[in-house]
PDB file of N, CA and C in Angstrom:
ATOM      1  N   MET A   1       0.849  -1.186   0.000  1.00  0.00           N
ATOM      2  CA  MET A   1       0.000   0.000   0.000  1.00  0.00           C
ATOM      3  C   MET A   1       0.894   1.249   0.000  1.00  0.00           C
ATOM      4  N   ALA A   2       0.560   2.173  -0.834  1.00  0.00           N
ATOM      5  CA  ALA A   2       1.349   3.405  -0.953  1.00  0.00           C
ATOM      6  C   ALA A   2       1.182   4.255   0.306  1.00  0.00           C
ATOM      7  N   LYS A   3       2.227   4.976   0.613  1.00  0.00           N
ATOM      8  CA  LYS A   3       2.187   5.891   1.761  1.00  0.00           C
ATOM      9  C   LYS A   3       1.170   6.999   1.492  1.00  0.00           C
ATOM     10  N   MET A   4       0.333   7.249   2.465  1.00  0.00           N
ATOM     11  CA  MET A   4      -0.659   8.311   2.305  1.00  0.00           C
ATOM     12  C   MET A   4       0.035   9.656   2.412  1.00  0.00           C
ATOM     13  N   GLU A   5      -0.345  10.541   1.535  1.00  0.00           N
ATOM     14  CA  GLU A   5       0.208  11.887   1.569  1.00  0.00           C
ATOM     15  C   GLU A   5      -0.491  12.694   2.650  1.00  0.00           C
ATOM     16  N   GLN A   6       0.177  13.745   3.094  1.00  0.00           N
ATOM     17  CA  GLN A   6      -0.358  14.558   4.188  1.00  0.00           C
ATOM     18  C   GLN A   6      -1.737  15.110   3.871  1.00  0.00           C
ATOM     19  N   TRP A   7      -2.006  15.402   2.606  1.00  0.00           N
ATOM     20  CA  TRP A   7      -3.307  15.967   2.227  1.00  0.00           C
ATOM     21  C   TRP A   7      -4.402  14.917   2.341  1.00  0.00           C
ATOM     22  N   ASP A   8      -4.061  13.675   1.994  1.00  0.00           N
ATOM     23  CA  ASP A   8      -5.040  12.599   2.096  1.00  0.00           C
ATOM     24  C   ASP A   8      -5.350  12.278   3.557  1.00  0.00           C
ATOM     25  N   ILE A   9      -4.338  12.334   4.400  1.00  0.00           N
ATOM     26  CA  ILE A   9      -4.535  12.092   5.833  1.00  0.00           C
ATOM     27  C   ILE A   9      -5.421  13.192   6.412  1.00  0.00           C
ATOM     28  N   ALA A  10      -5.122  14.436   6.061  1.00  0.00           N
ATOM     29  CA  ALA A  10      -5.932  15.563   6.545  1.00  0.00           C
ATOM     30  C   ALA A  10      -7.375  15.431   6.069  1.00  0.00           C
ATOM     31  N   LEU A  11      -7.557  15.008   4.820  1.00  0.00           N
ATOM     32  CA  LEU A  11      -8.905  14.843   4.279  1.00  0.00           C
ATOM     33  C   LEU A  11      -9.658  13.759   5.038  1.00  0.00           C
ATOM     34  N   GLU A  12      -9.015  12.654   5.331  1.00  0.00           N
ATOM     35  CA  GLU A  12      -9.663  11.590   6.104  1.00  0.00           C
ATOM     36  C   GLU A  12     -10.108  12.095   7.472  1.00  0.00           C
ATOM     37  N   GLU A  13      -9.238  12.836   8.131  1.00  0.00           N
ATOM     38  CA  GLU A  13      -9.563  13.373   9.455  1.00  0.00           C
ATOM     39  C   GLU A  13     -10.746  14.332   9.395  1.00  0.00           C
ATOM     40  N   LYS A  14     -10.740  15.212   8.407  1.00  0.00           N
ATOM     41  CA  LYS A  14     -11.825  16.194   8.281  1.00  0.00           C
ATOM     42  C   LYS A  14     -13.138  15.524   7.871  1.00  0.00           C
ATOM     43  N   THR A  15     -13.041  14.456   7.069  1.00  0.00           N
ATOM     44  CA  THR A  15     -14.245  13.721   6.679  1.00  0.00           C
ATOM     45  C   THR A  15     -14.879  13.067   7.898  1.00  0.00           C
ATOM     46  N   LYS A  16     -14.061  12.460   8.746  1.00  0.00           N
ATOM     47  CA  LYS A  16     -14.570  11.843   9.973  1.00  0.00           C
ATOM     48  C   LYS A  16     -15.232  12.884  10.873  1.00  0.00           C
ATOM     49  N   GLU A  17     -14.581  14.025  10.993  1.00  0.00           N
ATOM     50  CA  GLU A  17     -15.111  15.117  11.820  1.00  0.00           C
ATOM     51  C   GLU A  17     -16.476  15.582  11.301  1.00  0.00           C
ATOM     52  N   LEU A  18     -16.562  15.743   9.988  1.00  0.00           N
ATOM     53  CA  LEU A  18     -17.809  16.198   9.373  1.00  0.00           C
ATOM     54  C   LEU A  18     -18.916  15.167   9.555  1.00  0.00           C
ATOM     55  N   LYS A  19     -18.618  13.905   9.313  1.00  0.00           N
ATOM     56  CA  LYS A  19     -19.634  12.849   9.441  1.00  0.00           C
ATOM     57  C   LYS A  19     -20.099  12.704  10.880  1.00  0.00           C
ATOM     58  N   THR A  20     -19.192  12.861  11.817  1.00  0.00           N
ATOM     59  CA  THR A  20     -19.563  12.804  13.234  1.00  0.00           C
ATOM     60  C   THR A  20     -20.547  13.919  13.565  1.00  0.00           C
ATOM     61  N   CYS A  21     -20.263  15.112  13.087  1.00  0.00           N
ATOM     62  CA  CYS A  21     -21.151  16.252  13.317  1.00  0.00           C
ATOM     63  C   CYS A  21     -22.531  15.982  12.715  1.00  0.00           C
ATOM     64  N   GLN A  22     -22.550  15.489  11.481  1.00  0.00           N
ATOM     65  CA  GLN A  22     -23.831  15.202  10.822  1.00  0.00           C
ATOM     66  C   GLN A  22     -24.619  14.157  11.607  1.00  0.00           C
ATOM     67  N   GLN A  23     -23.937  13.111  12.077  1.00  0.00           N
ATOM     68  CA  GLN A  23     -24.615  12.057  12.844  1.00  0.00           C
ATOM     69  C   GLN A  23     -25.170  12.601  14.157  1.00  0.00           C
ATOM     70  N   GLU A  24     -24.384  13.430  14.817  1.00  0.00           N
ATOM     71  CA  GLU A  24     -24.829  14.011  16.089  1.00  0.00           C
ATOM     72  C   GLU A  24     -26.073  14.876  15.913  1.00  0.00           C
ATOM     73  N   LYS A  25     -26.200  15.473  14.736  1.00  0.00           N
ATOM     74  CA  LYS A  25     -27.353  16.342  14.460  1.00  0.00           C
ATOM     75  C   LYS A  25     -28.471  15.611  13.730  1.00  0.00           C
ATOM     76  N   GLY A  26     -28.259  14.304  13.452  1.00  0.00           N
ATOM     77  CA  GLY A  26     -29.282  13.508  12.775  1.00  0.00           C
ATOM     78  C   GLY A  26     -29.465  13.893  11.320  1.00  0.00           C
ATOM     79  N   LEU A  27     -28.383  14.324  10.675  1.00  0.00           N
ATOM     80  CA  LEU A  27     -28.445  14.763   9.280  1.00  0.00           C
ATOM     81  C   LEU A  27     -27.630  13.836   8.386  1.00  0.00           C
ATOM     82  N   LYS A  28     -28.009  13.772   7.114  1.00  0.00           N
ATOM     83  CA  LYS A  28     -27.241  12.995   6.144  1.00  0.00           C
ATOM     84  C   LYS A  28     -26.301  13.877   5.337  1.00  0.00           C
ATOM     85  N   SER A  29     -26.495  15.180   5.405  1.00  0.00           N
ATOM     86  CA  SER A  29     -25.611  16.136   4.734  1.00  0.00           C
ATOM     87  C   SER A  29     -25.675  17.460   5.499  1.00  0.00           C
ATOM     88  N   CYS A  30     -24.862  18.382   5.078  1.00  0.00           N
ATOM     89  CA  CYS A  30     -24.841  19.696   5.726  1.00  0.00           C
ATOM     90  C   CYS A  30     -25.996  20.582   5.268  1.00  0.00           C
ATOM     91  N   LEU A  31     -26.628  20.221   4.186  1.00  0.00           N
ATOM     92  CA  LEU A  31     -27.647  21.093   3.602  1.00  0.00           C
ATOM     93  C   LEU A  31     -28.795  21.405   4.552  1.00  0.00           C
ATOM     94  N   GLY A  32     -29.136  20.489   5.428  1.00  0.00           N
ATOM     95  CA  GLY A  32     -30.247  20.727   6.342  1.00  0.00           C
ATOM     96  C   GLY A  32     -29.845  21.413   7.634  1.00  0.00           C
ATOM     97  N   CYS A  33     -28.584  21.728   7.771  1.00  0.00           N
ATOM     98  CA  CYS A  33     -28.089  22.308   9.019  1.00  0.00           C
ATOM     99  C   CYS A  33     -28.193  23.837   8.986  1.00  0.00           C
ATOM    100  N   GLU A  34     -28.707  24.384  10.063  1.00  0.00           N
ATOM    101  CA  GLU A  34     -28.864  25.845  10.134  1.00  0.00           C
ATOM    102  C   GLU A  34     -27.525  26.563  10.249  1.00  0.00           C
ATOM    103  N   GLU A  35     -26.461  25.850  10.608  1.00  0.00           N
ATOM    104  CA  GLU A  35     -25.139  26.456  10.766  1.00  0.00           C
ATOM    105  C   GLU A  35     -24.262  26.305   9.519  1.00  0.00           C
ATOM    106  N   MET A  36     -24.805  25.769   8.450  1.00  0.00           N
ATOM    107  CA  MET A  36     -24.011  25.431   7.267  1.00  0.00           C
ATOM    108  C   MET A  36     -23.151  26.589   6.751  1.00  0.00           C
ATOM    109  N   ASN A  37     -23.694  27.766   6.685  1.00  0.00           N
ATOM    110  CA  ASN A  37     -22.960  28.894   6.103  1.00  0.00           C
ATOM    111  C   ASN A  37     -21.909  29.491   7.030  1.00  0.00           C
ATOM    112  N   ASN A  38     -21.933  29.111   8.283  1.00  0.00           N
ATOM    113  CA  ASN A  38     -20.972  29.642   9.257  1.00  0.00           C
ATOM    114  C   ASN A  38     -20.319  28.508  10.046  1.00  0.00           C
ATOM    115  N   CYS A  39     -20.044  27.402   9.380  1.00  0.00           N
ATOM    116  CA  CYS A  39     -19.563  26.206  10.064  1.00  0.00           C
ATOM    117  C   CYS A  39     -18.062  25.998   9.845  1.00  0.00           C
ATOM    118  N   ASN A  40     -17.305  26.023  10.939  1.00  0.00           N
ATOM    119  CA  ASN A  40     -15.861  25.808  10.846  1.00  0.00           C
ATOM    120  C   ASN A  40     -15.522  24.385  10.417  1.00  0.00           C
ATOM    121  N   ILE A  41     -16.317  23.414  10.853  1.00  0.00           N
ATOM    122  CA  ILE A  41     -16.063  22.015  10.486  1.00  0.00           C
ATOM    123  C   ILE A  41     -16.216  21.847   8.979  1.00  0.00           C
ATOM    124  N   ARG A  42     -17.291  22.383   8.427  1.00  0.00           N
ATOM    125  CA  ARG A  42     -17.527  22.263   6.988  1.00  0.00           C
ATOM    126  C   ARG A  42     -16.472  23.034   6.193  1.00  0.00           C
ATOM    127  N   ASP A  43     -16.134  24.223   6.655  1.00  0.00           N
ATOM    128  CA  ASP A  43     -15.109  25.017   5.968  1.00  0.00           C
ATOM    129  C   ASP A  43     -13.771  24.279   5.947  1.00  0.00           C
ATOM    130  N   SER A  44     -13.411  23.658   7.064  1.00  0.00           N
ATOM    131  CA  SER A  44     -12.163  22.896   7.135  1.00  0.00           C
ATOM    132  C   SER A  44     -12.198  21.694   6.199  1.00  0.00           C
ATOM    133  N   TYR A  45     -13.360  21.053   6.116  1.00  0.00           N
ATOM    134  CA  TYR A  45     -13.524  19.907   5.215  1.00  0.00           C
ATOM    135  C   TYR A  45     -13.364  20.333   3.753  1.00  0.00           C
ATOM    136  N   VAL A  46     -14.028  21.403   3.377  1.00  0.00           N
ATOM    137  CA  VAL A  46     -13.938  21.897   1.990  1.00  0.00           C
ATOM    138  C   VAL A  46     -12.491  22.257   1.653  1.00  0.00           C
ATOM    139  N   LYS A  47     -11.801  22.894   2.569  1.00  0.00           N
ATOM    140  CA  LYS A  47     -10.399  23.246   2.353  1.00  0.00           C
ATOM    141  C   LYS A  47      -9.546  21.988   2.197  1.00  0.00           C
ATOM    142  N   ALA A  48      -9.804  20.972   3.021  1.00  0.00           N
ATOM    143  CA  ALA A  48      -9.054  19.717   2.935  1.00  0.00           C
ATOM    144  C   ALA A  48      -9.306  19.007   1.600  1.00  0.00           C
ATOM    145  N   VAL A  49     -10.535  19.070   1.110  1.00  0.00           N
ATOM    146  CA  VAL A  49     -10.850  18.473  -0.206  1.00  0.00           C
ATOM    147  C   VAL A  49     -10.043  19.169  -1.291  1.00  0.00           C
ATOM    148  N   TYR A  50     -10.063  20.483  -1.280  1.00  0.00           N
ATOM    149  CA  TYR A  50      -9.325  21.253  -2.288  1.00  0.00           C
ATOM    150  C   TYR A  50      -7.832  20.955  -2.214  1.00  0.00           C
ATOM    151  N   GLU A  51      -7.275  20.946  -1.014  1.00  0.00           N
ATOM    152  CA  GLU A  51      -5.844  20.691  -0.869  1.00  0.00           C
ATOM    153  C   GLU A  51      -5.477  19.273  -1.277  1.00  0.00           C
ATOM    154  N   SER A  52      -6.370  18.323  -1.031  1.00  0.00           N
ATOM    155  CA  SER A  52      -6.132  16.944  -1.449  1.00  0.00           C
ATOM    156  C   SER A  52      -6.120  16.840  -2.980  1.00  0.00           C
ATOM    157  N   MET A  53      -7.023  17.562  -3.617  1.00  0.00           N
ATOM    158  CA  MET A  53      -7.086  17.539  -5.082  1.00  0.00           C
ATOM    159  C   MET A  53      -5.881  18.235  -5.704  1.00  0.00           C
ATOM    160  N   SER A  54      -5.443  19.321  -5.110  1.00  0.00           N
ATOM    161  CA  SER A  54      -4.346  20.098  -5.692  1.00  0.00           C
ATOM    162  C   SER A  54      -2.982  19.698  -5.133  1.00  0.00           C
ATOM    163  N   LYS A  55      -2.978  18.816  -4.122  1.00  0.00           N
ATOM    164  CA  LYS A  55      -1.742  18.372  -3.473  1.00  0.00           C
ATOM    165  C   LYS A  55      -0.920  19.549  -2.973  1.00  0.00           C
ATOM    166  N   GLY A  56      -1.613  20.591  -2.544  1.00  0.00           N
ATOM    167  CA  GLY A  56      -0.940  21.746  -1.973  1.00  0.00           C
ATOM    168  C   GLY A  56      -0.382  22.726  -2.982  1.00  0.00           C
ATOM    169  N   VAL A  57      -0.586  22.453  -4.267  1.00  0.00           N
ATOM    170  CA  VAL A  57      -0.078  23.343  -5.310  1.00  0.00           C
ATOM    171  C   VAL A  57      -1.253  24.119  -5.890  1.00  0.00           C
ATOM    172  N   GLY A  58      -1.098  25.413  -6.052  1.00  0.00           N
ATOM    173  CA  GLY A  58      -2.168  26.195  -6.661  1.00  0.00           C
ATOM    174  C   GLY A  58      -2.607  27.306  -5.743  1.00  0.00           C
ATOM    175  N   GLY A  59      -3.457  28.133  -6.273  1.00  0.00           N
ATOM    176  CA  GLY A  59      -3.936  29.292  -5.529  1.00  0.00           C
ATOM    177  C   GLY A  59      -5.092  28.944  -4.639  1.00  0.00           C
ATOM    178  N   GLY A  60      -5.584  29.943  -3.980  1.00  0.00           N
ATOM    179  CA  GLY A  60      -6.728  29.776  -3.101  1.00  0.00           C
ATOM    180  C   GLY A  60      -8.002  29.636  -3.911  1.00  0.00           C
ATOM    181  N   PHE A  61      -9.080  29.519  -3.203  1.00  0.00           N
ATOM    182  CA  PHE A  61     -10.363  29.408  -3.882  1.00  0.00           C
ATOM    183  C   PHE A  61     -11.436  30.063  -3.045  1.00  0.00           C
ATOM    184  N   GLU A  62     -12.492  30.466  -3.692  1.00  0.00           N
ATOM    185  CA  GLU A  62     -13.656  31.021  -3.022  1.00  0.00           C
ATOM    186  C   GLU A  62     -14.892  30.532  -3.744  1.00  0.00           C
ATOM    187  N   PHE A  63     -15.977  30.423  -2.990  1.00  0.00           N
ATOM    188  CA  PHE A  63     -17.247  30.032  -3.605  1.00  0.00           C
ATOM    189  C   PHE A  63     -18.098  31.245  -3.780  1.00  0.00           C
TER     190      PHE A  63
END
């Protein structure tokens, strides 16, 4: 098995964090959460996804 890169490890951690939050709130996604637009957990997850895809290379992003 190939060594996991730091971005993939960070993404796994943030995914677990996000899923735990969703389970605690009884949700299947963030869309039904009233805190979605101001959520540090979700923001960290989105950032980890982007960094995993870009492997740390590239500019920032905004939605």
